[in-house]
Amino acid sequence: MIHAIHHVQITIPIGQEEAARAFYCGLLGLPEIEKPESLKPRGGFWLLVGDQSVHVGVEDGIERRATRAHVAYLVDDLAGWRVLLTAAGFTPETGIPIPGYDRFECRDPFGNRLEMIQPLDSSSGD
């Protein structure tokens, strides 16, 4: 039986950890958590998202812009995230509608797709 998702992993090009920290920790505000000593030589870093983690690994030779694979981040101010990412030079794109949610997607500085998703407030008539 599968009980939950423990973590997800995305990748960035080798040697781009500081640029990735600037985006994920700086712009998005996700806290970095300590990796086990045994995994530190592999590069990358880990982030805390709610009670889950996103592992940012390193690898070259990947065409990240060619994939639809992504992490969807549940947010409570979708419009604010759209403004923040646009102001930082990223291009939010409206995705295919999902009943009960508002969302958009964009690409991180490395080409990874990310989605910001917010439940519609049923009391507002949306």
Protein backbone atom coordinates (compact mmCIF):
# COMPACT_ATOMS: atom_id res chain seq x y z
CA MET A 1 0.00 0.00 0.00
CA ILE A 2 1.26 3.48 -0.88
CA HIS A 3 0.51 5.93 1.93
CA ALA A 4 1.76 9.29 0.67
CA ILE A 5 4.35 11.10 -1.37
CA HIS A 6 7.55 11.46 0.63
CA HIS A 7 9.30 13.84 -1.79
CA VAL A 8 9.60 14.83 -5.40
CA GLN A 9 12.79 15.67 -7.26
CA ILE A 10 13.53 18.19 -9.96
CA THR A 11 16.89 18.77 -11.57
CA ILE A 12 19.02 21.74 -12.47
CA PRO A 13 22.25 21.90 -14.47
CA ILE A 14 25.41 20.94 -12.59
CA GLY A 15 26.94 23.94 -10.82
CA GLN A 16 23.72 26.01 -10.74
CA GLU A 17 22.82 25.49 -7.07
CA GLU A 18 23.24 29.16 -6.10
CA ALA A 19 21.05 30.36 -8.96
CA ALA A 20 18.46 27.74 -7.99
CA ARG A 21 18.59 28.84 -4.34
CA ALA A 22 18.03 32.44 -5.49
CA PHE A 23 14.87 31.34 -7.31
CA TYR A 24 13.43 28.73 -4.96
CA CYS A 25 14.56 30.07 -1.58
CA GLY A 26 14.82 33.76 -2.48
CA LEU A 27 11.97 34.47 -4.90
CA LEU A 28 9.58 31.67 -3.91
CA GLY A 29 10.51 31.79 -0.22
CA LEU A 30 10.89 28.03 0.27
CA PRO A 31 13.14 27.10 3.18
CA GLU A 32 16.16 24.90 2.51
CA ILE A 33 16.48 21.83 4.72
CA GLU A 34 19.61 19.86 5.52
CA LYS A 35 20.54 16.97 3.28
CA PRO A 36 22.06 13.89 4.89
CA GLU A 37 25.87 13.95 4.88
CA SER A 38 25.90 10.82 2.74
CA LEU A 39 24.09 12.66 -0.10
CA LYS A 40 25.88 16.02 0.00
CA PRO A 41 28.67 14.96 -2.40
CA ARG A 42 26.04 14.45 -5.12
CA GLY A 43 25.27 18.20 -5.20
CA GLY A 44 21.91 19.88 -5.13
CA PHE A 45 19.83 20.75 -2.09
CA TRP A 46 16.47 20.05 -0.48
CA LEU A 47 13.49 22.34 0.12
CA LEU A 48 10.61 22.13 2.58
CA VAL A 49 7.13 22.61 1.12
CA GLY A 50 4.50 22.21 3.81
CA ASP A 51 5.22 18.79 5.32
CA GLN A 52 6.80 17.44 2.11
CA SER A 53 10.13 18.08 0.46
CA VAL A 54 11.34 18.93 -3.01
CA HIS A 55 14.81 17.61 -3.78
CA VAL A 56 16.74 19.78 -6.24
CA GLY A 57 19.25 17.47 -7.87
CA VAL A 58 21.92 18.22 -10.46
CA GLU A 59 22.34 16.69 -13.89
CA ASP A 60 23.32 17.88 -17.33
CA GLY A 61 22.06 16.77 -20.73
CA ILE A 62 18.37 17.20 -19.90
CA GLU A 63 15.99 19.27 -22.05
CA ARG A 64 13.75 20.48 -19.24
CA ARG A 65 11.65 22.72 -21.49
CA ALA A 66 10.55 19.70 -23.54
CA THR A 67 8.66 18.01 -20.70
CA ARG A 68 5.32 18.54 -19.03
CA ALA A 69 6.62 17.01 -15.79
CA HIS A 70 6.20 19.48 -12.96
CA VAL A 71 5.51 20.22 -9.31
CA ALA A 72 2.21 21.95 -8.52
CA TYR A 73 2.46 24.31 -5.56
CA LEU A 74 -0.80 24.87 -3.66
CA VAL A 75 -1.05 28.61 -2.91
CA ASP A 76 -3.49 30.97 -1.24
CA ASP A 77 -2.85 34.12 -3.33
CA LEU A 78 -2.63 33.07 -6.95
CA ALA A 79 -2.93 36.63 -8.25
CA GLY A 80 -0.07 37.73 -6.00
CA TRP A 81 2.14 34.91 -7.26
CA ARG A 82 1.37 35.88 -10.85
CA VAL A 83 2.41 39.49 -10.13
CA LEU A 84 5.57 38.41 -8.28
CA LEU A 85 6.74 36.03 -10.99
CA THR A 86 5.90 38.46 -13.79
CA ALA A 87 7.80 41.27 -12.04
CA ALA A 88 10.79 38.92 -11.74
CA GLY A 89 10.77 38.33 -15.49
CA PHE A 90 8.94 35.02 -15.69
CA THR A 91 5.99 34.42 -18.01
CA PRO A 92 2.94 32.87 -16.34
CA GLU A 93 0.76 30.92 -18.77
CA THR A 94 -2.82 29.88 -18.15
CA GLY A 95 -3.19 26.11 -18.15
CA ILE A 96 -6.10 23.97 -19.20
CA PRO A 97 -8.90 24.57 -16.68
CA ILE A 98 -9.38 22.09 -13.84
CA PRO A 99 -12.82 22.19 -12.18
CA GLY A 100 -12.65 23.78 -8.73
CA TYR A 101 -9.22 25.39 -9.21
CA ASP A 102 -7.55 28.44 -10.67
CA ARG A 103 -3.97 27.96 -11.80
CA PHE A 104 -1.12 29.02 -13.99
CA GLU A 105 2.23 27.60 -14.93
CA CYS A 106 5.62 28.96 -15.83
CA ARG A 107 9.22 27.77 -16.16
CA ASP A 108 11.98 28.24 -13.61
CA PRO A 109 15.34 29.66 -14.77
CA PHE A 110 16.43 26.14 -15.79
CA GLY A 111 13.35 25.22 -17.83
CA ASN A 112 11.54 23.18 -15.17
CA ARG A 113 7.79 23.63 -15.40
CA LEU A 114 6.05 24.68 -12.20
CA GLU A 115 2.40 25.20 -11.50
CA MET A 116 0.76 27.49 -8.98
CA ILE A 117 -2.73 26.25 -8.10
CA GLN A 118 -5.44 27.60 -5.80
CA PRO A 119 -8.86 26.14 -4.99
CA LEU A 120 -11.73 28.34 -6.10
CA ASP A 121 -13.72 29.82 -3.22
CA SER A 122 -17.13 28.22 -3.60
CA SER A 123 -18.71 30.96 -1.47
CA SER A 124 -17.63 33.68 -3.94
CA GLY A 125 -19.50 32.10 -6.86
CA ASP A 126 -16.32 31.37 -8.85
